[in-house]
Amino acid sequence: MATHFPDDFKCPISLQIMSDPVILSSGHTFDRSSIQRWLDSGHRTCPITKLPLPEHPRLIPNYALRSLISSFTIPKSQPDPDPYWNPNLSKKYQTQFLISALVSPSSNLESSLHSLSQLTRLTKLDPGIRRQITESGAVSAVLDCVDSTESEIQEKALALLLNLSLDDDNKVGLVAEGVIGRVIKVIRAGTPSSRAIGCTMLTSLAVVEVNKATIGAYPNAVKTLILVLYNGKGREVREAATALYAICSFVDNRKRAVECGAVPILMRIGGMGLERAVEVLSLLVKCKEGREEMRKVNGCLEVFVKVIRNGSERGVQCALLTLNCLCCFAEEMCVEAKKDGVLEICVGFLDDENERVRRNAATLVQTLSCRG
C-alpha cells in the first residue's frame, strides 16, 4: 500500500509511511522512531546532509505533514469516468489544461471546482506538479478562489494551497503572494472544515522560521486562532492549537498569545483532554507573562497533574516541563504540587524508557525537593 503514497510521506531512513513525523534541526523530516534510533545509536549528524547536530537534538513535530498523511485517500485503481479528464494526455499537459481552465475569465463554478479538485489530487502525489503550478503563476487564481462565497470552492482552494505548501521553497513564496491574510479571513468566517484546513495551512507555513514571525505579526492572526479555540469544535480546535504551537515556537509570539487571552482558554480545553493545548502551554510558560497568567487560573495544577498521570509520552513531557517552570516561579505552586502527589509521581518516572520524560521528571524532583 505504501507505494501509492507520495514519497514526501515516507521516512528517508525506513522508507515507510511516517506515523509521527518530526523535523530535525537540519530542516529534514523523519519518522520519530527511526530518527530516535539513529540518535540513540550515538550519531550526531543528519542522516541526509551529514551536517553536525547538537548534543541533544530537538525533534519538532511536523503536525502539518502528519495531518496530510492521516487525511490522505489512496486513489482508486479504476477512477470513475470524468467528462473533463483526457487519459491520453500526460500529467504535465493535463495539469496545464487544468491550470488554463482555472485562470480563464470564462471559468464557471463547475469548471473551477473540477480544476481545483483534480489539481489537489495531482499535487498530493507529485512534487513536479506542485512546482509546475507555482511556476505557472496560477497561485493568484487559487487565492481568488479562497475568497469565493461558495464554501466548496473555498475548501478545495485551501486544500490545493496546503499541498503546494508541502515544499519548503513554496512556503515563503505563498506568504509573499498574500496567503496569510486570505487564510486568516477564512478561519474567522469560513465553514468548520475550511477553518480546520486554514489552521493546518498556517502550521505548514510556520515550518519556516521567518514565516513564524510574519504570521505572528500579522494583524489579528494569533487572536483569530485563539477565537477558534474558544468557539470551535472537534478538528478545527485541534488544528488551531497545532498552529498556535507552531507559531509560538518563535519567542516573540508567546507574549502575543498571552496578551490575546490564550492561557485560560488553553487551560480549559487542556482540562477537557486536548493534550495539544498542554503542549502550547509548555511554550507559553517560558515567558514571564505566561507564568503569571497560569498562576491566576483556578485549578491550574490539576490540569497538568491529570496529564502526567494519564497522558501520552509527549503530553507527560510537556506537563512536567510546565510544572517545573511554575514551581520555580512561585513557591505556592511548589507547595500545592507536593500536596497533589507530584513528587511521588515524578520519582516513578525516573526509570521511564523515554529519556526526555526521565530528564524532565528528575528536574522537577530537584525543584520540589529544594523548595516548598
Protein backbone atom coordinates (compact mmCIF):
# COMPACT_ATOMS: atom_id res chain seq x y z
CA MET A 1 0.00 0.00 0.00
CA ALA A 2 2.89 2.37 0.74
CA THR A 3 3.74 2.51 -2.95
CA HIS A 4 0.52 4.51 -3.55
CA PHE A 5 1.56 7.29 -1.19
CA PRO A 6 3.65 10.36 -2.14
CA ASP A 7 7.37 9.98 -1.46
CA ASP A 8 7.09 13.02 0.86
CA PHE A 9 5.09 10.83 3.27
CA LYS A 10 7.91 8.25 3.59
CA CYS A 11 10.69 8.41 6.17
CA PRO A 12 14.11 8.79 4.47
CA ILE A 13 15.55 6.21 6.89
CA SER A 14 12.92 3.45 6.97
CA LEU A 15 11.28 4.29 3.60
CA GLN A 16 7.95 3.55 5.33
CA ILE A 17 4.97 5.88 5.70
CA MET A 18 5.60 8.10 8.72
CA SER A 19 3.25 7.79 11.69
CA ASP A 20 4.88 10.53 13.79
CA PRO A 21 6.88 12.86 11.50
CA VAL A 22 9.34 15.17 13.25
CA ILE A 23 11.69 17.85 11.94
CA LEU A 24 15.40 17.73 12.72
CA SER A 25 17.39 20.96 13.14
CA SER A 26 18.78 20.33 9.65
CA GLY A 27 15.28 21.03 8.31
CA HIS A 28 14.61 17.45 7.16
CA THR A 29 11.65 15.37 8.34
CA PHE A 30 11.88 11.77 9.64
CA ASP A 31 9.62 9.35 11.46
CA ARG A 32 10.22 9.84 15.18
CA SER A 33 11.03 6.19 15.91
CA SER A 34 13.56 5.98 13.07
CA ILE A 35 15.47 9.17 13.84
CA GLN A 36 15.38 8.38 17.58
CA ARG A 37 17.07 5.03 16.90
CA TRP A 38 19.65 6.87 14.80
CA LEU A 39 20.35 9.30 17.65
CA ASP A 40 20.29 6.58 20.33
CA SER A 41 23.00 4.77 18.36
CA GLY A 42 25.28 7.72 19.04
CA HIS A 43 25.01 9.52 15.71
CA ARG A 44 25.14 13.32 15.89
CA THR A 45 24.87 14.11 12.19
CA CYS A 46 21.83 14.50 9.93
CA PRO A 47 21.31 11.22 8.00
CA ILE A 48 20.70 13.21 4.81
CA THR A 49 23.01 16.26 4.91
CA LYS A 50 25.67 14.66 7.17
CA LEU A 51 25.92 18.05 8.92
CA PRO A 52 26.65 18.01 12.69
CA LEU A 53 23.77 18.15 15.16
CA PRO A 54 23.63 19.50 18.76
CA GLU A 55 24.42 17.09 21.59
CA HIS A 56 20.70 16.93 22.45
CA PRO A 57 18.91 17.45 19.10
CA ARG A 58 15.33 18.77 19.22
CA LEU A 59 12.70 16.77 17.36
CA ILE A 60 9.97 19.20 16.35
CA PRO A 61 6.60 17.56 15.50
CA ASN A 62 5.64 18.15 11.85
CA TYR A 63 1.92 18.42 12.52
CA ALA A 64 1.10 19.71 9.04
CA LEU A 65 2.58 16.64 7.36
CA ARG A 66 1.03 14.29 9.92
CA SER A 67 -2.38 15.83 9.22
CA LEU A 68 -1.89 15.38 5.48
CA ILE A 69 -0.85 11.75 5.91
CA SER A 70 -3.80 10.95 8.18
CA SER A 71 -6.31 12.54 5.79
CA PHE A 72 -4.74 11.13 2.61
CA THR A 73 -7.01 8.95 0.47
CA ILE A 74 -5.42 6.41 -1.85
CA PRO A 75 -6.77 6.94 -5.36
CA LYS A 76 -8.95 4.19 -6.76
CA SER A 77 -7.23 1.95 -9.29
CA GLN A 78 -10.13 2.47 -11.68
CA PRO A 79 -11.48 6.01 -11.23
CA ASP A 80 -14.99 6.89 -12.24
CA PRO A 81 -15.36 8.26 -15.75
CA ASP A 82 -14.69 12.00 -15.80
CA PRO A 83 -16.01 14.10 -18.70
CA TYR A 84 -13.19 16.63 -18.25
CA TRP A 85 -10.37 14.14 -17.97
CA ASN A 86 -8.39 13.02 -21.03
CA PRO A 87 -6.33 9.93 -20.14
CA ASN A 88 -4.34 10.26 -23.36
CA LEU A 89 -2.62 13.43 -22.10
CA SER A 90 0.49 13.24 -19.93
CA LYS A 91 0.19 14.55 -16.37
CA LYS A 92 2.20 17.61 -17.36
CA TYR A 93 -0.17 18.59 -20.17
CA GLN A 94 -3.24 17.58 -18.19
CA THR A 95 -2.05 19.88 -15.39
CA GLN A 96 -1.53 22.71 -17.85
CA PHE A 97 -5.05 22.15 -19.18
CA LEU A 98 -6.47 22.34 -15.66
CA ILE A 99 -4.45 25.48 -14.86
CA SER A 100 -5.67 27.17 -18.05
CA ALA A 101 -9.26 26.29 -17.19
CA LEU A 102 -8.85 27.66 -13.67
CA VAL A 103 -7.35 31.01 -14.67
CA SER A 104 -9.70 31.53 -17.62
CA PRO A 105 -12.03 34.56 -17.18
CA SER A 106 -14.87 32.42 -18.56
CA SER A 107 -14.39 29.67 -15.97
CA ASN A 108 -17.69 28.81 -14.28
CA LEU A 109 -18.38 27.28 -10.88
CA GLU A 110 -18.42 23.69 -12.15
CA SER A 111 -15.21 24.14 -14.15
CA SER A 112 -13.36 25.82 -11.27
CA LEU A 113 -14.45 23.13 -8.82
CA HIS A 114 -13.30 20.40 -11.19
CA SER A 115 -9.93 22.06 -11.83
CA LEU A 116 -9.27 22.58 -8.13
CA SER A 117 -10.28 19.01 -7.27
CA GLN A 118 -8.06 17.45 -9.91
CA LEU A 119 -5.09 19.72 -9.15
CA THR A 120 -5.43 18.91 -5.45
CA ARG A 121 -5.36 15.19 -6.28
CA LEU A 122 -2.34 15.56 -8.52
CA THR A 123 -0.32 17.70 -6.11
CA LYS A 124 -0.65 15.12 -3.34
CA LEU A 125 1.37 12.71 -5.44
CA ASP A 126 3.86 14.73 -7.41
CA PRO A 127 6.32 17.48 -6.33
CA GLY A 128 6.87 18.21 -10.03
CA ILE A 129 3.21 19.09 -10.47
CA ARG A 130 3.38 21.36 -7.41
CA ARG A 131 6.36 23.12 -8.98
CA GLN A 132 4.56 23.40 -12.31
CA ILE A 133 1.59 25.13 -10.68
CA THR A 134 3.66 27.65 -8.73
CA GLU A 135 5.89 28.43 -11.70
CA SER A 136 2.85 28.93 -13.95
CA GLY A 137 1.66 31.90 -11.88
CA ALA A 138 -1.63 30.16 -11.06
CA VAL A 139 -1.34 30.74 -7.31
CA SER A 140 -3.09 34.11 -7.59
CA ALA A 141 -6.09 32.41 -9.22
CA VAL A 142 -6.18 29.83 -6.42
CA LEU A 143 -6.07 32.65 -3.86
CA ASP A 144 -9.02 34.31 -5.60
CA CYS A 145 -10.93 31.05 -5.15
CA VAL A 146 -10.18 31.20 -1.42
CA ASP A 147 -12.20 34.44 -1.42
CA SER A 148 -15.16 32.70 -3.06
CA THR A 149 -18.55 32.81 -1.35
CA GLU A 150 -19.02 29.18 -2.42
CA SER A 151 -17.82 27.10 0.51
CA GLU A 152 -16.93 24.09 -1.65
CA ILE A 153 -14.72 26.21 -3.94
CA GLN A 154 -13.10 27.82 -0.92
CA GLU A 155 -12.36 24.48 0.73
CA LYS A 156 -10.87 22.93 -2.42
CA ALA A 157 -8.68 26.00 -2.98
CA LEU A 158 -7.36 25.80 0.57
CA ALA A 159 -6.64 22.09 0.17
CA LEU A 160 -4.66 22.83 -3.00
CA LEU A 161 -2.67 25.60 -1.28
CA LEU A 162 -1.94 23.24 1.60
CA ASN A 163 -0.49 20.69 -0.83
CA LEU A 164 1.61 23.39 -2.51
CA SER A 165 2.98 24.42 0.89
CA LEU A 166 4.47 20.95 1.38
CA ASP A 167 7.56 22.17 -0.47
CA ASP A 168 9.74 24.47 1.62
CA ASP A 169 10.55 26.59 -1.43
CA ASN A 170 6.86 27.42 -1.72
CA LYS A 171 6.27 28.37 1.91
CA VAL A 172 7.92 31.80 1.71
CA GLY A 173 6.58 32.37 -1.81
CA LEU A 174 2.99 31.74 -0.73
CA VAL A 175 3.37 34.23 2.10
CA ALA A 176 4.74 36.78 -0.37
CA GLU A 177 1.65 36.19 -2.54
CA GLY A 178 -0.57 37.23 0.38
CA VAL A 179 -1.82 33.85 1.54
CA ILE A 180 -1.79 34.73 5.27
CA GLY A 181 -4.47 37.41 5.00
CA ARG A 182 -6.73 35.17 2.92
CA VAL A 183 -6.33 32.25 5.31
CA ILE A 184 -6.99 34.38 8.40
CA LYS A 185 -10.18 35.66 6.79
CA VAL A 186 -11.37 32.09 6.19
CA ILE A 187 -10.51 31.00 9.72
CA ARG A 188 -12.60 33.87 11.06
CA ALA A 189 -15.68 33.36 8.87
CA GLY A 190 -15.46 30.08 6.92
CA THR A 191 -17.08 26.69 7.44
CA PRO A 192 -15.68 24.43 10.19
CA SER A 193 -13.91 22.32 7.55
CA SER A 194 -12.37 25.37 5.85
CA ARG A 195 -11.30 26.76 9.22
CA ALA A 196 -9.55 23.49 10.04
CA ILE A 197 -7.70 23.44 6.70
CA GLY A 198 -6.79 27.11 7.16
CA CYS A 199 -5.26 26.37 10.55
CA THR A 200 -3.31 23.44 9.09
CA MET A 201 -2.10 25.78 6.35
CA LEU A 202 -0.65 28.17 8.96
CA THR A 203 1.07 25.22 10.65
CA SER A 204 2.65 24.20 7.37
CA LEU A 205 3.83 27.74 6.57
CA ALA A 206 5.27 28.11 10.08
CA VAL A 207 7.79 25.33 9.48
CA VAL A 208 9.95 28.12 8.00
CA GLU A 209 11.29 30.31 10.81
CA VAL A 210 10.77 33.65 9.06
CA ASN A 211 7.11 32.78 8.46
CA LYS A 212 6.54 32.27 12.20
CA ALA A 213 7.47 35.90 12.77
CA THR A 214 5.41 37.09 9.80
CA ILE A 215 2.29 35.19 10.87
CA GLY A 216 2.61 36.29 14.50
CA ALA A 217 2.95 39.94 13.50
CA TYR A 218 0.03 39.80 11.04
CA PRO A 219 -2.97 41.77 12.44
CA ASN A 220 -5.34 39.50 14.39
CA ALA A 221 -3.62 36.26 13.28
CA VAL A 222 -2.91 34.97 16.80
CA LYS A 223 -6.21 36.35 18.10
CA THR A 224 -8.10 34.52 15.35
CA LEU A 225 -6.58 31.17 16.31
CA ILE A 226 -7.50 31.76 19.93
CA LEU A 227 -11.09 32.56 18.92
CA VAL A 228 -11.27 29.17 17.20
CA LEU A 229 -10.02 27.54 20.41
CA TYR A 230 -12.76 29.36 22.30
CA ASN A 231 -15.68 28.89 19.90
CA GLY A 232 -14.74 25.90 17.73
CA LYS A 233 -15.31 22.17 17.97
CA GLY A 234 -13.50 18.98 17.09
CA ARG A 235 -10.95 19.09 14.30
CA GLU A 236 -10.83 22.89 13.96
CA VAL A 237 -9.88 23.24 17.64
CA ARG A 238 -7.12 20.62 17.31
CA GLU A 239 -5.73 22.27 14.19
CA ALA A 240 -5.89 25.75 15.76
CA ALA A 241 -3.96 24.51 18.80
CA THR A 242 -1.40 22.90 16.50
CA ALA A 243 -0.99 26.14 14.53
CA LEU A 244 -0.61 28.14 17.73
CA TYR A 245 2.07 25.70 18.92
CA ALA A 246 3.99 26.10 15.66
CA ILE A 247 3.77 29.88 15.76
CA CYS A 248 4.68 30.14 19.45
CA SER A 249 7.90 28.22 18.96
CA PHE A 250 9.03 31.70 17.86
CA VAL A 251 9.75 33.50 21.14
CA ASP A 252 8.15 36.87 20.32
CA ASN A 253 4.80 35.25 19.59
CA ARG A 254 4.41 33.82 23.09
CA LYS A 255 3.71 37.18 24.68
CA ARG A 256 1.28 37.99 21.86
CA ALA A 257 -0.66 34.80 22.57
CA VAL A 258 -0.79 35.51 26.30
CA GLU A 259 -1.98 39.08 25.69
CA CYS A 260 -4.75 37.75 23.44
CA GLY A 261 -6.10 35.64 26.33
CA ALA A 262 -4.75 32.24 25.28
CA VAL A 263 -3.87 30.90 28.74
CA PRO A 264 -7.32 30.44 30.37
CA ILE A 265 -8.76 29.05 27.13
CA LEU A 266 -5.91 26.57 26.74
CA MET A 267 -6.23 25.57 30.38
CA ARG A 268 -9.94 24.88 29.86
CA ILE A 269 -9.55 22.71 26.77
CA GLY A 270 -6.43 21.08 28.22
CA GLY A 271 -8.51 20.09 31.21
CA MET A 272 -11.05 18.57 28.81
CA GLY A 273 -8.41 16.24 27.42
CA LEU A 274 -6.80 18.06 24.47
CA GLU A 275 -3.10 17.44 25.09
CA ARG A 276 -2.13 19.77 22.25
CA ALA A 277 -3.30 22.62 24.49
CA VAL A 278 -0.84 21.47 27.16
CA GLU A 279 1.91 21.46 24.55
CA VAL A 280 1.16 25.11 23.74
CA LEU A 281 1.15 25.95 27.45
CA SER A 282 4.61 24.36 27.74
CA LEU A 283 5.81 27.11 25.37
CA LEU A 284 3.87 29.99 26.94
CA VAL A 285 5.19 29.10 30.41
CA LYS A 286 8.66 30.05 29.18
CA CYS A 287 7.71 33.75 29.21
CA LYS A 288 7.04 35.67 32.42
CA GLU A 289 3.63 36.86 31.21
CA GLY A 290 2.57 33.27 30.58
CA ARG A 291 3.61 32.10 34.04
CA GLU A 292 1.77 35.00 35.65
CA GLU A 293 -1.43 34.18 33.77
CA MET A 294 -1.25 30.47 34.60
CA ARG A 295 -0.76 31.32 38.24
CA LYS A 296 -4.10 33.18 38.20
CA VAL A 297 -6.12 30.25 36.82
CA ASN A 298 -8.02 28.27 39.45
CA GLY A 299 -7.17 24.58 39.28
CA CYS A 300 -4.13 25.28 37.15
CA LEU A 301 -2.01 22.45 38.57
CA GLU A 302 -4.86 19.96 38.34
CA VAL A 303 -4.71 20.11 34.54
CA PHE A 304 -1.02 19.23 34.43
CA VAL A 305 -1.23 16.60 37.17
CA LYS A 306 -4.02 14.89 35.22
CA VAL A 307 -1.78 14.75 32.15
CA ILE A 308 1.27 13.36 33.97
CA ARG A 309 -0.96 10.67 35.49
CA ASN A 310 -2.80 9.64 32.33
CA GLY A 311 -1.28 11.37 29.31
CA SER A 312 0.82 10.25 26.36
CA GLU A 313 4.63 10.40 26.48
CA ARG A 314 4.58 13.74 24.67
CA GLY A 315 1.89 15.11 26.99
CA VAL A 316 3.79 13.95 30.08
CA GLN A 317 6.99 15.63 28.84
CA CYS A 318 5.21 18.94 28.34
CA ALA A 319 3.26 18.77 31.59
CA LEU A 320 6.42 18.03 33.62
CA LEU A 321 8.29 20.90 31.96
CA THR A 322 5.42 23.32 32.59
CA LEU A 323 5.04 22.25 36.21
CA ASN A 324 8.75 22.76 36.81
CA CYS A 325 8.67 26.28 35.37
CA LEU A 326 5.66 27.17 37.52
CA CYS A 327 7.20 25.70 40.68
CA CYS A 328 10.43 27.63 40.07
CA PHE A 329 8.36 30.78 39.53
CA ALA A 330 6.08 30.63 42.57
CA GLU A 331 6.67 28.82 45.87
CA GLU A 332 2.95 28.32 46.49
CA MET A 333 2.87 26.25 43.29
CA CYS A 334 5.55 24.03 44.83
CA VAL A 335 3.53 23.52 47.98
CA GLU A 336 0.38 22.73 46.03
CA ALA A 337 2.23 20.32 43.71
CA LYS A 338 3.56 18.39 46.71
CA LYS A 339 0.05 18.16 48.16
CA ASP A 340 -1.18 16.75 44.85
CA GLY A 341 1.43 13.97 44.97
CA VAL A 342 3.54 15.29 42.09
CA LEU A 343 6.82 14.39 43.80
CA GLU A 344 5.85 10.74 44.15
CA ILE A 345 4.66 10.58 40.54
CA CYS A 346 7.94 12.08 39.33
CA VAL A 347 10.01 9.57 41.28
CA GLY A 348 8.15 6.85 39.39
CA PHE A 349 9.22 8.44 36.10
CA LEU A 350 12.94 8.33 36.93
CA ASP A 351 13.19 4.86 35.37
CA ASP A 352 10.97 5.65 32.39
CA GLU A 353 12.10 4.41 28.96
CA ASN A 354 11.68 7.89 27.46
CA GLU A 355 14.83 9.96 28.02
CA ARG A 356 13.00 13.31 27.99
CA VAL A 357 10.43 12.11 30.49
CA ARG A 358 13.24 10.93 32.78
CA ARG A 359 15.12 14.22 32.43
CA ASN A 360 12.06 16.43 33.00
CA ALA A 361 10.96 14.31 35.97
CA ALA A 362 14.42 14.48 37.55
CA THR A 363 14.49 18.27 37.17
CA LEU A 364 11.07 18.61 38.79
CA VAL A 365 12.08 16.29 41.65
CA GLN A 366 15.06 18.51 42.30
CA THR A 367 12.90 21.65 42.24
CA LEU A 368 10.30 20.21 44.61
CA SER A 369 13.00 18.91 46.97
CA CYS A 370 14.71 22.31 47.21
CA ARG A 371 11.60 24.46 47.50
CA GLY A 372 8.26 24.46 49.30
